[in-house]
N, C-alpha and C. Protein backbone atom coordinates (compact mmCIF):
# COMPACT_ATOMS: atom_id res chain seq x y z
N MET A 1 0.82 -1.20 0.00
CA MET A 1 0.00 0.00 0.00
C MET A 1 0.86 1.26 0.00
N ILE A 2 1.77 1.37 0.99
CA ILE A 2 2.70 2.51 1.05
C ILE A 2 4.11 1.99 1.26
N LYS A 3 5.02 2.47 0.44
CA LYS A 3 6.43 2.12 0.60
C LYS A 3 7.25 3.39 0.50
N ALA A 4 7.95 3.71 1.56
CA ALA A 4 8.80 4.89 1.59
C ALA A 4 10.24 4.46 1.83
N SER A 5 11.15 5.03 1.06
CA SER A 5 12.56 4.68 1.19
C SER A 5 13.40 5.94 1.28
N ASN A 6 14.22 6.04 2.33
CA ASN A 6 15.21 7.11 2.48
C ASN A 6 14.57 8.50 2.40
N ILE A 7 13.46 8.70 3.13
CA ILE A 7 12.78 9.99 3.10
C ILE A 7 13.50 10.97 4.03
N GLU A 8 13.93 12.09 3.46
CA GLU A 8 14.59 13.14 4.23
C GLU A 8 13.79 14.43 4.12
N LYS A 9 13.86 15.23 5.19
CA LYS A 9 13.22 16.55 5.15
C LYS A 9 14.05 17.55 5.91
N PHE A 10 14.37 18.64 5.23
CA PHE A 10 15.10 19.75 5.83
C PHE A 10 14.21 20.99 5.86
N TYR A 11 14.29 21.74 6.94
CA TYR A 11 13.74 23.09 7.00
C TYR A 11 14.93 24.02 7.24
N GLY A 12 15.42 24.60 6.16
CA GLY A 12 16.67 25.34 6.25
C GLY A 12 17.80 24.37 6.55
N GLU A 13 18.55 24.62 7.61
CA GLU A 13 19.64 23.72 7.98
C GLU A 13 19.19 22.63 8.95
N LEU A 14 17.95 22.71 9.41
CA LEU A 14 17.44 21.73 10.37
C LEU A 14 16.91 20.50 9.63
N GLN A 15 17.51 19.34 9.91
CA GLN A 15 17.04 18.10 9.31
C GLN A 15 16.03 17.44 10.25
N VAL A 16 14.79 17.35 9.79
CA VAL A 16 13.70 16.81 10.61
C VAL A 16 13.53 15.32 10.38
N LEU A 17 13.65 14.87 9.13
CA LEU A 17 13.58 13.44 8.82
C LEU A 17 14.92 13.00 8.26
N LYS A 18 15.43 11.86 8.76
CA LYS A 18 16.80 11.45 8.45
C LYS A 18 16.82 10.06 7.81
N GLY A 19 16.27 9.97 6.60
CA GLY A 19 16.31 8.71 5.88
C GLY A 19 15.30 7.70 6.39
N VAL A 20 14.03 8.09 6.44
CA VAL A 20 12.98 7.22 6.96
C VAL A 20 12.61 6.16 5.92
N ASN A 21 12.49 4.91 6.39
CA ASN A 21 12.03 3.80 5.56
C ASN A 21 10.82 3.17 6.25
N LEU A 22 9.78 2.88 5.49
CA LEU A 22 8.65 2.14 6.05
C LEU A 22 7.85 1.48 4.96
N HIS A 23 7.12 0.44 5.35
CA HIS A 23 6.27 -0.32 4.43
C HIS A 23 4.96 -0.60 5.15
N ILE A 24 3.85 -0.06 4.62
CA ILE A 24 2.53 -0.26 5.21
C ILE A 24 1.72 -1.15 4.28
N ARG A 25 1.18 -2.23 4.82
CA ARG A 25 0.38 -3.15 4.01
C ARG A 25 -1.09 -2.74 4.01
N LYS A 26 -1.80 -3.15 2.98
CA LYS A 26 -3.23 -2.87 2.86
C LYS A 26 -3.98 -3.45 4.06
N LYS A 27 -4.94 -2.70 4.58
CA LYS A 27 -5.81 -3.06 5.69
C LYS A 27 -5.09 -3.10 7.03
N GLU A 28 -3.88 -2.56 7.09
CA GLU A 28 -3.18 -2.44 8.37
C GLU A 28 -3.63 -1.19 9.11
N VAL A 29 -3.63 -1.29 10.42
CA VAL A 29 -3.75 -0.11 11.28
C VAL A 29 -2.40 0.05 11.97
N VAL A 30 -1.68 1.08 11.60
CA VAL A 30 -0.33 1.29 12.11
C VAL A 30 -0.29 2.59 12.90
N SER A 31 0.22 2.52 14.12
CA SER A 31 0.38 3.72 14.93
C SER A 31 1.83 4.18 14.87
N VAL A 32 2.01 5.49 14.93
CA VAL A 32 3.35 6.09 14.95
C VAL A 32 3.45 6.91 16.23
N VAL A 33 4.42 6.54 17.06
CA VAL A 33 4.57 7.19 18.36
C VAL A 33 5.97 7.77 18.49
N GLY A 34 6.15 8.61 19.50
CA GLY A 34 7.44 9.22 19.75
C GLY A 34 7.26 10.55 20.43
N ALA A 35 8.34 11.09 20.95
CA ALA A 35 8.28 12.37 21.65
C ALA A 35 7.96 13.50 20.69
N SER A 36 7.44 14.59 21.22
CA SER A 36 7.22 15.78 20.41
C SER A 36 8.53 16.22 19.77
N GLY A 37 8.47 16.55 18.49
CA GLY A 37 9.67 16.96 17.77
C GLY A 37 10.43 15.83 17.12
N ALA A 38 9.90 14.60 17.23
CA ALA A 38 10.61 13.45 16.65
C ALA A 38 10.44 13.37 15.14
N GLY A 39 9.45 14.11 14.57
CA GLY A 39 9.24 14.10 13.13
C GLY A 39 7.97 13.39 12.69
N LYS A 40 7.11 13.03 13.63
CA LYS A 40 5.91 12.23 13.31
C LYS A 40 4.96 12.97 12.37
N THR A 41 4.62 14.19 12.71
CA THR A 41 3.68 14.94 11.88
C THR A 41 4.28 15.29 10.54
N THR A 42 5.56 15.62 10.51
CA THR A 42 6.23 15.89 9.23
C THR A 42 6.17 14.67 8.32
N LEU A 43 6.43 13.50 8.88
CA LEU A 43 6.34 12.27 8.09
C LEU A 43 4.93 12.06 7.57
N LEU A 44 3.93 12.28 8.42
CA LEU A 44 2.54 12.09 8.00
C LEU A 44 2.18 13.06 6.88
N GLN A 45 2.65 14.28 6.96
CA GLN A 45 2.36 15.26 5.92
C GLN A 45 2.99 14.86 4.58
N ILE A 46 4.18 14.27 4.63
CA ILE A 46 4.82 13.82 3.39
C ILE A 46 4.10 12.59 2.83
N LEU A 47 3.72 11.66 3.71
CA LEU A 47 2.98 10.48 3.26
C LEU A 47 1.62 10.89 2.67
N GLY A 48 1.06 11.98 3.19
CA GLY A 48 -0.21 12.46 2.69
C GLY A 48 -0.09 13.41 1.52
N THR A 49 1.12 13.64 1.03
CA THR A 49 1.43 14.52 -0.11
C THR A 49 1.09 15.98 0.17
N LEU A 50 0.94 16.34 1.45
CA LEU A 50 0.73 17.74 1.80
C LEU A 50 2.04 18.50 1.83
N ASP A 51 3.14 17.77 1.93
CA ASP A 51 4.48 18.33 1.90
C ASP A 51 5.35 17.41 1.06
N THR A 52 6.50 17.87 0.66
CA THR A 52 7.38 17.06 -0.18
C THR A 52 8.69 16.78 0.54
N GLN A 53 9.26 15.63 0.25
CA GLN A 53 10.56 15.29 0.81
C GLN A 53 11.63 16.17 0.18
N SER A 54 12.72 16.37 0.90
CA SER A 54 13.78 17.24 0.39
C SER A 54 14.64 16.55 -0.65
N ASN A 55 14.70 15.21 -0.60
CA ASN A 55 15.57 14.46 -1.51
C ASN A 55 14.72 13.68 -2.53
N ARG A 56 14.02 14.41 -3.38
CA ARG A 56 13.11 13.76 -4.33
C ARG A 56 13.84 12.81 -5.28
N LYS A 57 15.11 13.09 -5.57
CA LYS A 57 15.85 12.23 -6.50
C LYS A 57 16.37 10.97 -5.81
N ASP A 58 16.66 11.06 -4.53
CA ASP A 58 17.28 9.93 -3.83
C ASP A 58 16.30 9.13 -2.98
N GLY A 59 15.18 9.72 -2.61
CA GLY A 59 14.19 9.03 -1.81
C GLY A 59 13.00 8.62 -2.65
N GLN A 60 12.31 7.59 -2.23
CA GLN A 60 11.17 7.09 -3.01
C GLN A 60 9.93 7.02 -2.12
N LEU A 61 8.78 7.39 -2.72
CA LEU A 61 7.49 7.26 -2.03
C LEU A 61 6.48 6.69 -3.01
N MET A 62 6.04 5.47 -2.72
CA MET A 62 5.03 4.80 -3.52
C MET A 62 3.76 4.65 -2.68
N ILE A 63 2.62 5.06 -3.24
CA ILE A 63 1.34 4.91 -2.57
C ILE A 63 0.36 4.25 -3.52
N ASN A 64 -0.14 3.11 -3.12
CA ASN A 64 -1.12 2.38 -3.94
C ASN A 64 -0.59 2.15 -5.36
N GLY A 65 0.71 1.85 -5.44
CA GLY A 65 1.32 1.53 -6.73
C GLY A 65 1.73 2.73 -7.57
N VAL A 66 1.58 3.94 -7.05
CA VAL A 66 1.91 5.15 -7.80
C VAL A 66 3.16 5.80 -7.22
N ASP A 67 4.11 6.15 -8.09
CA ASP A 67 5.31 6.86 -7.68
C ASP A 67 4.95 8.33 -7.51
N ILE A 68 4.85 8.77 -6.26
CA ILE A 68 4.39 10.12 -5.95
C ILE A 68 5.34 11.17 -6.52
N THR A 69 6.62 10.88 -6.52
CA THR A 69 7.60 11.88 -6.97
C THR A 69 7.50 12.17 -8.46
N SER A 70 6.79 11.34 -9.20
CA SER A 70 6.68 11.54 -10.65
C SER A 70 5.48 12.39 -11.04
N LEU A 71 4.63 12.76 -10.09
CA LEU A 71 3.40 13.46 -10.41
C LEU A 71 3.60 14.97 -10.45
N SER A 72 2.88 15.62 -11.37
CA SER A 72 2.86 17.08 -11.40
C SER A 72 1.98 17.58 -10.25
N GLU A 73 1.99 18.87 -9.99
CA GLU A 73 1.18 19.44 -8.91
C GLU A 73 -0.31 19.14 -9.12
N LYS A 74 -0.77 19.27 -10.35
CA LYS A 74 -2.18 19.00 -10.66
C LYS A 74 -2.50 17.53 -10.46
N GLU A 75 -1.62 16.66 -10.94
CA GLU A 75 -1.83 15.22 -10.77
C GLU A 75 -1.79 14.84 -9.29
N LEU A 76 -0.90 15.49 -8.55
CA LEU A 76 -0.77 15.20 -7.12
C LEU A 76 -2.03 15.60 -6.37
N ALA A 77 -2.60 16.75 -6.69
CA ALA A 77 -3.82 17.20 -6.03
C ALA A 77 -4.96 16.22 -6.31
N ARG A 78 -5.06 15.76 -7.53
CA ARG A 78 -6.11 14.80 -7.88
C ARG A 78 -5.88 13.47 -7.16
N PHE A 79 -4.64 13.01 -7.13
CA PHE A 79 -4.32 11.76 -6.44
C PHE A 79 -4.67 11.85 -4.97
N ARG A 80 -4.31 12.96 -4.34
CA ARG A 80 -4.59 13.16 -2.91
C ARG A 80 -6.09 13.12 -2.65
N ASN A 81 -6.84 13.81 -3.47
CA ASN A 81 -8.30 13.86 -3.30
C ASN A 81 -8.94 12.49 -3.43
N GLU A 82 -8.43 11.67 -4.33
CA GLU A 82 -9.06 10.38 -4.62
C GLU A 82 -8.55 9.22 -3.78
N ASN A 83 -7.34 9.36 -3.22
CA ASN A 83 -6.70 8.21 -2.59
C ASN A 83 -6.38 8.35 -1.11
N ILE A 84 -6.44 9.57 -0.57
CA ILE A 84 -6.01 9.79 0.81
C ILE A 84 -7.07 10.55 1.58
N GLY A 85 -7.41 10.04 2.76
CA GLY A 85 -8.32 10.73 3.66
C GLY A 85 -7.55 11.22 4.87
N PHE A 86 -7.94 12.37 5.39
CA PHE A 86 -7.23 12.98 6.52
C PHE A 86 -8.17 13.19 7.70
N ILE A 87 -7.66 12.87 8.90
CA ILE A 87 -8.36 13.17 10.14
C ILE A 87 -7.36 13.87 11.05
N PHE A 88 -7.72 15.06 11.52
CA PHE A 88 -6.81 15.85 12.32
C PHE A 88 -7.28 15.90 13.77
N GLN A 89 -6.41 16.39 14.64
CA GLN A 89 -6.77 16.50 16.06
C GLN A 89 -7.98 17.41 16.23
N PHE A 90 -7.98 18.53 15.55
CA PHE A 90 -9.13 19.43 15.55
C PHE A 90 -9.88 19.19 14.25
N HIS A 91 -11.15 18.99 14.34
CA HIS A 91 -11.94 18.44 13.23
C HIS A 91 -11.82 19.19 11.92
N GLN A 92 -11.50 20.48 11.95
CA GLN A 92 -11.34 21.29 10.74
C GLN A 92 -12.62 21.34 9.89
N LEU A 93 -13.77 21.26 10.54
CA LEU A 93 -15.03 21.42 9.82
C LEU A 93 -15.29 22.90 9.57
N LEU A 94 -15.92 23.22 8.46
CA LEU A 94 -16.25 24.60 8.15
C LEU A 94 -17.50 24.99 8.94
N PRO A 95 -17.41 26.02 9.78
CA PRO A 95 -18.50 26.32 10.72
C PRO A 95 -19.82 26.73 10.08
N GLU A 96 -19.75 27.29 8.87
CA GLU A 96 -20.98 27.76 8.24
C GLU A 96 -21.73 26.66 7.49
N PHE A 97 -21.13 25.47 7.39
CA PHE A 97 -21.74 24.36 6.67
C PHE A 97 -22.31 23.33 7.63
N THR A 98 -23.34 22.61 7.20
CA THR A 98 -23.90 21.53 8.00
C THR A 98 -22.99 20.31 7.96
N ALA A 99 -23.31 19.32 8.78
CA ALA A 99 -22.55 18.07 8.76
C ALA A 99 -22.54 17.48 7.36
N LEU A 100 -23.69 17.41 6.72
CA LEU A 100 -23.78 16.85 5.37
C LEU A 100 -22.93 17.64 4.40
N GLU A 101 -23.01 18.95 4.44
CA GLU A 101 -22.26 19.79 3.50
C GLU A 101 -20.76 19.66 3.71
N ASN A 102 -20.32 19.57 4.96
CA ASN A 102 -18.89 19.37 5.23
C ASN A 102 -18.39 18.06 4.65
N ILE A 103 -19.19 17.00 4.81
CA ILE A 103 -18.78 15.68 4.31
C ILE A 103 -18.69 15.68 2.80
N LEU A 104 -19.55 16.43 2.14
CA LEU A 104 -19.62 16.42 0.68
C LEU A 104 -18.42 17.09 0.00
N ILE A 105 -17.71 17.94 0.70
CA ILE A 105 -16.69 18.78 0.05
C ILE A 105 -15.69 17.98 -0.79
N PRO A 106 -15.03 16.93 -0.25
CA PRO A 106 -14.07 16.20 -1.10
C PRO A 106 -14.71 15.55 -2.32
N ALA A 107 -15.96 15.08 -2.17
CA ALA A 107 -16.63 14.43 -3.29
C ALA A 107 -16.97 15.44 -4.39
N LEU A 108 -17.37 16.65 -4.00
CA LEU A 108 -17.68 17.68 -5.00
C LEU A 108 -16.41 18.16 -5.69
N ILE A 109 -15.29 18.22 -4.94
CA ILE A 109 -14.00 18.55 -5.57
C ILE A 109 -13.65 17.50 -6.62
N LYS A 110 -13.98 16.26 -6.32
CA LYS A 110 -13.73 15.15 -7.25
C LYS A 110 -14.67 15.18 -8.45
N LYS A 111 -15.69 16.05 -8.36
CA LYS A 111 -16.73 16.18 -9.40
C LYS A 111 -17.66 14.97 -9.43
N THR A 112 -17.85 14.34 -8.28
CA THR A 112 -18.86 13.29 -8.16
C THR A 112 -20.23 13.95 -8.28
N PRO A 113 -21.15 13.36 -9.06
CA PRO A 113 -22.49 13.94 -9.15
C PRO A 113 -23.09 14.13 -7.77
N LYS A 114 -23.75 15.27 -7.56
CA LYS A 114 -24.21 15.64 -6.22
C LYS A 114 -25.14 14.58 -5.63
N ALA A 115 -26.03 14.03 -6.43
CA ALA A 115 -26.97 13.03 -5.92
C ALA A 115 -26.23 11.79 -5.44
N VAL A 116 -25.21 11.38 -6.18
CA VAL A 116 -24.41 10.21 -5.80
C VAL A 116 -23.64 10.51 -4.52
N ALA A 117 -23.03 11.70 -4.45
CA ALA A 117 -22.25 12.08 -3.28
C ALA A 117 -23.14 12.17 -2.03
N GLU A 118 -24.33 12.75 -2.18
CA GLU A 118 -25.23 12.87 -1.04
C GLU A 118 -25.68 11.50 -0.53
N LYS A 119 -25.94 10.59 -1.44
CA LYS A 119 -26.33 9.23 -1.04
C LYS A 119 -25.24 8.58 -0.22
N ARG A 120 -24.00 8.70 -0.69
CA ARG A 120 -22.86 8.14 0.02
C ARG A 120 -22.68 8.81 1.39
N ALA A 121 -22.81 10.14 1.43
CA ALA A 121 -22.65 10.87 2.69
C ALA A 121 -23.70 10.46 3.71
N LEU A 122 -24.94 10.30 3.27
CA LEU A 122 -26.02 9.90 4.17
C LEU A 122 -25.80 8.48 4.68
N GLU A 123 -25.26 7.62 3.82
CA GLU A 123 -24.93 6.25 4.25
C GLU A 123 -23.87 6.28 5.34
N LEU A 124 -22.86 7.13 5.17
CA LEU A 124 -21.79 7.24 6.16
C LEU A 124 -22.32 7.81 7.47
N LEU A 125 -23.17 8.81 7.38
CA LEU A 125 -23.75 9.39 8.58
C LEU A 125 -24.56 8.36 9.36
N GLU A 126 -25.29 7.53 8.64
CA GLU A 126 -26.05 6.48 9.31
C GLU A 126 -25.12 5.45 9.94
N PHE A 127 -24.09 5.06 9.20
CA PHE A 127 -23.12 4.08 9.71
C PHE A 127 -22.46 4.59 10.99
N LEU A 128 -22.22 5.89 11.04
CA LEU A 128 -21.52 6.49 12.18
C LEU A 128 -22.48 6.94 13.29
N GLY A 129 -23.77 6.62 13.12
CA GLY A 129 -24.74 6.97 14.15
C GLY A 129 -25.06 8.45 14.21
N LEU A 130 -24.98 9.11 13.05
CA LEU A 130 -25.19 10.56 13.01
C LEU A 130 -26.34 10.96 12.08
N ASN A 131 -27.21 10.01 11.75
CA ASN A 131 -28.29 10.33 10.82
C ASN A 131 -29.26 11.36 11.38
N HIS A 132 -29.22 11.61 12.68
CA HIS A 132 -30.06 12.64 13.30
C HIS A 132 -29.34 13.98 13.37
N ARG A 133 -28.13 14.05 12.80
CA ARG A 133 -27.35 15.29 12.85
C ARG A 133 -27.03 15.82 11.45
N VAL A 134 -27.74 15.35 10.45
CA VAL A 134 -27.44 15.68 9.05
C VAL A 134 -27.36 17.18 8.81
N HIS A 135 -28.32 17.91 9.34
CA HIS A 135 -28.41 19.34 9.03
C HIS A 135 -27.93 20.23 10.18
N HIS A 136 -27.19 19.65 11.11
CA HIS A 136 -26.63 20.42 12.21
C HIS A 136 -25.26 20.97 11.82
N LYS A 137 -24.98 22.18 12.25
CA LYS A 137 -23.67 22.78 12.02
C LYS A 137 -22.71 22.36 13.14
N PRO A 138 -21.40 22.48 12.92
CA PRO A 138 -20.43 22.01 13.91
C PRO A 138 -20.66 22.52 15.33
N SER A 139 -21.09 23.79 15.45
CA SER A 139 -21.30 24.36 16.78
C SER A 139 -22.45 23.68 17.52
N GLU A 140 -23.28 22.94 16.80
CA GLU A 140 -24.42 22.25 17.40
C GLU A 140 -24.12 20.79 17.71
N LEU A 141 -22.88 20.38 17.48
CA LEU A 141 -22.46 18.99 17.69
C LEU A 141 -21.51 18.89 18.87
N SER A 142 -21.49 17.73 19.52
CA SER A 142 -20.51 17.48 20.58
C SER A 142 -19.14 17.25 19.95
N GLY A 143 -18.11 17.23 20.78
CA GLY A 143 -16.76 16.99 20.25
C GLY A 143 -16.65 15.66 19.54
N GLY A 144 -17.24 14.61 20.13
CA GLY A 144 -17.20 13.30 19.50
C GLY A 144 -17.95 13.27 18.19
N GLU A 145 -19.08 13.98 18.14
CA GLU A 145 -19.86 14.02 16.90
C GLU A 145 -19.12 14.79 15.81
N GLN A 146 -18.48 15.88 16.20
CA GLN A 146 -17.69 16.64 15.23
C GLN A 146 -16.59 15.77 14.61
N GLN A 147 -15.93 14.99 15.45
CA GLN A 147 -14.84 14.16 14.95
C GLN A 147 -15.37 13.03 14.07
N ARG A 148 -16.55 12.51 14.37
CA ARG A 148 -17.14 11.48 13.50
C ARG A 148 -17.55 12.06 12.15
N VAL A 149 -18.01 13.30 12.14
CA VAL A 149 -18.29 13.97 10.87
C VAL A 149 -16.99 14.10 10.07
N ALA A 150 -15.90 14.44 10.75
CA ALA A 150 -14.60 14.54 10.08
C ALA A 150 -14.17 13.19 9.52
N VAL A 151 -14.48 12.11 10.25
CA VAL A 151 -14.17 10.76 9.75
C VAL A 151 -14.98 10.48 8.48
N ALA A 152 -16.26 10.84 8.49
CA ALA A 152 -17.10 10.63 7.31
C ALA A 152 -16.56 11.42 6.11
N ARG A 153 -16.11 12.64 6.37
CA ARG A 153 -15.52 13.45 5.30
C ARG A 153 -14.27 12.77 4.73
N ALA A 154 -13.47 12.17 5.60
CA ALA A 154 -12.27 11.47 5.14
C ALA A 154 -12.61 10.24 4.31
N LEU A 155 -13.79 9.66 4.56
CA LEU A 155 -14.17 8.41 3.89
C LEU A 155 -14.97 8.61 2.61
N ILE A 156 -15.46 9.82 2.35
CA ILE A 156 -16.45 10.03 1.30
C ILE A 156 -15.98 9.57 -0.08
N ASN A 157 -14.69 9.70 -0.37
CA ASN A 157 -14.17 9.28 -1.67
C ASN A 157 -13.60 7.86 -1.66
N ASN A 158 -13.87 7.13 -0.59
CA ASN A 158 -13.37 5.76 -0.45
C ASN A 158 -11.87 5.69 -0.71
N PRO A 159 -11.08 6.43 0.07
CA PRO A 159 -9.63 6.51 -0.17
C PRO A 159 -8.92 5.20 0.16
N ALA A 160 -7.75 5.05 -0.42
CA ALA A 160 -6.95 3.85 -0.18
C ALA A 160 -6.38 3.84 1.24
N VAL A 161 -6.12 5.03 1.77
CA VAL A 161 -5.49 5.11 3.10
C VAL A 161 -6.03 6.31 3.85
N ILE A 162 -6.18 6.15 5.18
CA ILE A 162 -6.58 7.24 6.05
C ILE A 162 -5.38 7.61 6.92
N LEU A 163 -5.03 8.89 6.93
CA LEU A 163 -3.94 9.39 7.77
C LEU A 163 -4.55 10.22 8.88
N ALA A 164 -4.22 9.88 10.12
CA ALA A 164 -4.81 10.55 11.27
C ALA A 164 -3.71 11.11 12.16
N ASP A 165 -3.81 12.40 12.49
CA ASP A 165 -2.81 13.06 13.33
C ASP A 165 -3.44 13.42 14.66
N GLU A 166 -3.11 12.67 15.71
CA GLU A 166 -3.67 12.87 17.05
C GLU A 166 -5.20 12.97 16.99
N PRO A 167 -5.89 12.01 16.36
CA PRO A 167 -7.33 12.15 16.11
C PRO A 167 -8.19 12.22 17.36
N SER A 168 -7.71 11.67 18.47
CA SER A 168 -8.50 11.70 19.70
C SER A 168 -7.92 12.64 20.75
N GLY A 169 -6.93 13.44 20.35
CA GLY A 169 -6.23 14.29 21.30
C GLY A 169 -7.09 15.38 21.91
N ASN A 170 -8.21 15.72 21.25
CA ASN A 170 -9.06 16.79 21.73
C ASN A 170 -10.38 16.27 22.31
N LEU A 171 -10.44 14.94 22.56
CA LEU A 171 -11.68 14.32 23.02
C LEU A 171 -11.56 13.83 24.46
N ASP A 172 -12.71 13.74 25.14
CA ASP A 172 -12.72 13.11 26.46
C ASP A 172 -12.49 11.62 26.30
N SER A 173 -12.21 10.93 27.39
CA SER A 173 -11.79 9.53 27.31
C SER A 173 -12.86 8.63 26.70
N GLU A 174 -14.13 8.88 27.00
CA GLU A 174 -15.19 8.04 26.44
C GLU A 174 -15.32 8.23 24.93
N SER A 175 -15.30 9.48 24.48
CA SER A 175 -15.39 9.75 23.04
C SER A 175 -14.15 9.23 22.32
N ALA A 176 -13.00 9.35 22.95
CA ALA A 176 -11.76 8.85 22.35
C ALA A 176 -11.83 7.34 22.17
N ASP A 177 -12.30 6.63 23.18
CA ASP A 177 -12.41 5.18 23.08
C ASP A 177 -13.35 4.77 21.96
N LYS A 178 -14.48 5.47 21.81
CA LYS A 178 -15.42 5.16 20.73
C LYS A 178 -14.78 5.41 19.36
N LEU A 179 -14.00 6.48 19.26
CA LEU A 179 -13.34 6.78 18.00
C LEU A 179 -12.31 5.71 17.66
N HIS A 180 -11.55 5.28 18.65
CA HIS A 180 -10.55 4.24 18.42
C HIS A 180 -11.21 2.95 17.94
N GLN A 181 -12.31 2.56 18.57
CA GLN A 181 -13.02 1.35 18.15
C GLN A 181 -13.54 1.51 16.73
N LEU A 182 -13.95 2.72 16.38
CA LEU A 182 -14.47 2.99 15.04
C LEU A 182 -13.42 2.73 13.97
N PHE A 183 -12.17 3.10 14.22
CA PHE A 183 -11.12 2.89 13.22
C PHE A 183 -11.01 1.41 12.85
N PHE A 184 -11.07 0.55 13.83
CA PHE A 184 -10.93 -0.88 13.57
C PHE A 184 -12.18 -1.45 12.91
N ARG A 185 -13.33 -0.89 13.25
CA ARG A 185 -14.56 -1.30 12.58
C ARG A 185 -14.52 -0.92 11.11
N LEU A 186 -14.00 0.26 10.81
CA LEU A 186 -13.88 0.69 9.41
C LEU A 186 -12.90 -0.20 8.66
N ARG A 187 -11.80 -0.55 9.30
CA ARG A 187 -10.84 -1.45 8.67
C ARG A 187 -11.49 -2.80 8.37
N ASP A 188 -12.24 -3.33 9.32
CA ASP A 188 -12.84 -4.65 9.16
C ASP A 188 -13.97 -4.65 8.13
N GLU A 189 -14.77 -3.57 8.09
CA GLU A 189 -15.94 -3.55 7.22
C GLU A 189 -15.67 -2.95 5.84
N PHE A 190 -14.73 -2.00 5.77
CA PHE A 190 -14.47 -1.32 4.50
C PHE A 190 -13.06 -1.55 3.96
N GLY A 191 -12.23 -2.26 4.71
CA GLY A 191 -10.87 -2.54 4.24
C GLY A 191 -9.95 -1.34 4.24
N GLN A 192 -10.24 -0.35 5.12
CA GLN A 192 -9.42 0.86 5.15
C GLN A 192 -8.04 0.56 5.77
N THR A 193 -7.05 1.27 5.28
CA THR A 193 -5.70 1.26 5.85
C THR A 193 -5.53 2.54 6.66
N PHE A 194 -4.99 2.43 7.87
CA PHE A 194 -4.84 3.60 8.74
C PHE A 194 -3.39 3.76 9.16
N ILE A 195 -2.90 4.99 9.10
CA ILE A 195 -1.65 5.38 9.76
C ILE A 195 -2.01 6.48 10.75
N ILE A 196 -1.74 6.22 12.02
CA ILE A 196 -2.23 7.10 13.07
C ILE A 196 -1.07 7.59 13.93
N VAL A 197 -0.80 8.88 13.89
CA VAL A 197 0.16 9.49 14.80
C VAL A 197 -0.57 9.77 16.11
N THR A 198 -0.05 9.28 17.22
CA THR A 198 -0.76 9.43 18.48
C THR A 198 0.18 9.42 19.68
N HIS A 199 -0.26 10.11 20.72
CA HIS A 199 0.38 10.01 22.03
C HIS A 199 -0.45 9.14 22.95
N ASN A 200 -1.60 8.67 22.46
CA ASN A 200 -2.49 7.86 23.28
C ASN A 200 -1.97 6.42 23.34
N GLU A 201 -1.54 6.01 24.50
CA GLU A 201 -0.92 4.69 24.64
C GLU A 201 -1.91 3.56 24.36
N GLU A 202 -3.17 3.74 24.73
CA GLU A 202 -4.16 2.70 24.49
C GLU A 202 -4.39 2.50 23.00
N LEU A 203 -4.52 3.59 22.25
CA LEU A 203 -4.70 3.49 20.81
C LEU A 203 -3.48 2.85 20.16
N ALA A 204 -2.29 3.28 20.56
CA ALA A 204 -1.07 2.71 19.99
C ALA A 204 -1.00 1.21 20.22
N ALA A 205 -1.42 0.77 21.40
CA ALA A 205 -1.36 -0.66 21.73
C ALA A 205 -2.38 -1.47 20.94
N MET A 206 -3.47 -0.84 20.52
CA MET A 206 -4.50 -1.54 19.75
C MET A 206 -4.08 -1.81 18.31
N ALA A 207 -3.14 -1.03 17.79
CA ALA A 207 -2.76 -1.10 16.38
C ALA A 207 -2.12 -2.44 16.03
N ASP A 208 -2.16 -2.79 14.76
CA ASP A 208 -1.50 -4.00 14.29
C ASP A 208 0.01 -3.91 14.48
N ARG A 209 0.53 -2.71 14.26
CA ARG A 209 1.95 -2.46 14.47
C ARG A 209 2.13 -1.07 15.04
N THR A 210 3.18 -0.89 15.81
CA THR A 210 3.53 0.43 16.33
C THR A 210 4.95 0.78 15.88
N LEU A 211 5.08 1.93 15.22
CA LEU A 211 6.38 2.42 14.79
C LEU A 211 6.79 3.56 15.71
N THR A 212 8.00 3.49 16.21
CA THR A 212 8.50 4.52 17.13
C THR A 212 9.49 5.41 16.41
N MET A 213 9.27 6.72 16.48
CA MET A 213 10.19 7.68 15.87
C MET A 213 11.03 8.35 16.95
N VAL A 214 12.32 8.42 16.69
CA VAL A 214 13.26 9.08 17.58
C VAL A 214 14.20 9.93 16.72
N ASP A 215 14.19 11.22 16.95
CA ASP A 215 15.14 12.11 16.28
C ASP A 215 15.13 11.94 14.75
N GLY A 216 13.92 11.91 14.17
CA GLY A 216 13.80 11.91 12.72
C GLY A 216 13.97 10.56 12.05
N GLN A 217 13.99 9.49 12.84
CA GLN A 217 14.13 8.16 12.26
C GLN A 217 13.17 7.19 12.94
N ILE A 218 12.77 6.14 12.21
CA ILE A 218 11.97 5.07 12.79
C ILE A 218 12.94 4.06 13.37
N THR A 219 12.78 3.79 14.67
CA THR A 219 13.76 2.93 15.34
C THR A 219 13.34 1.48 15.44
N ASP A 220 12.06 1.18 15.13
CA ASP A 220 11.62 -0.22 15.15
C ASP A 220 10.48 -0.42 14.16
């Protein structure tokens, strides 16, 4: 599913990633742990094509069989929209839009017919237990509900992989536990692949594999 070789990242003279190698298999739930500043979020941003590695000629990034370094900016944007879903610590929902409208955004960017996209979004809302919140705006939702709407938005285009950055970091323990269980349910029912950056020890322990980052490198 994802194969990264010798990924490096510099910000000026500061080297944040120091030759990272990893291989993620389809339908795996992989957690990435480590101290703040170890490079976890930077790695996730590069895997999600939101940022680029510094050594494009010497490092390789393959996602779902596609060589990411060979894509133009336009091709990369389309690939990201169709193949990668994102879940962040803060839900990043647009406050003026309803739950349904927020979920639809990636599908409309993909130019999915609105009727088809709405049907899919409503199915996801029902699956996530939010069919009674379709027309509610983010301010009218609880923290757990907001994050589930963000999960539905990440799933709307049926991406090959979901990248999550501290997805439960802003939730109470009960909502966090429900979200963690949801990830594995999605993997089992929809075949989703997850890479999750987390400081939550319980979530990390639940994963199929845990990768530890230390000083810009994966140590295990």
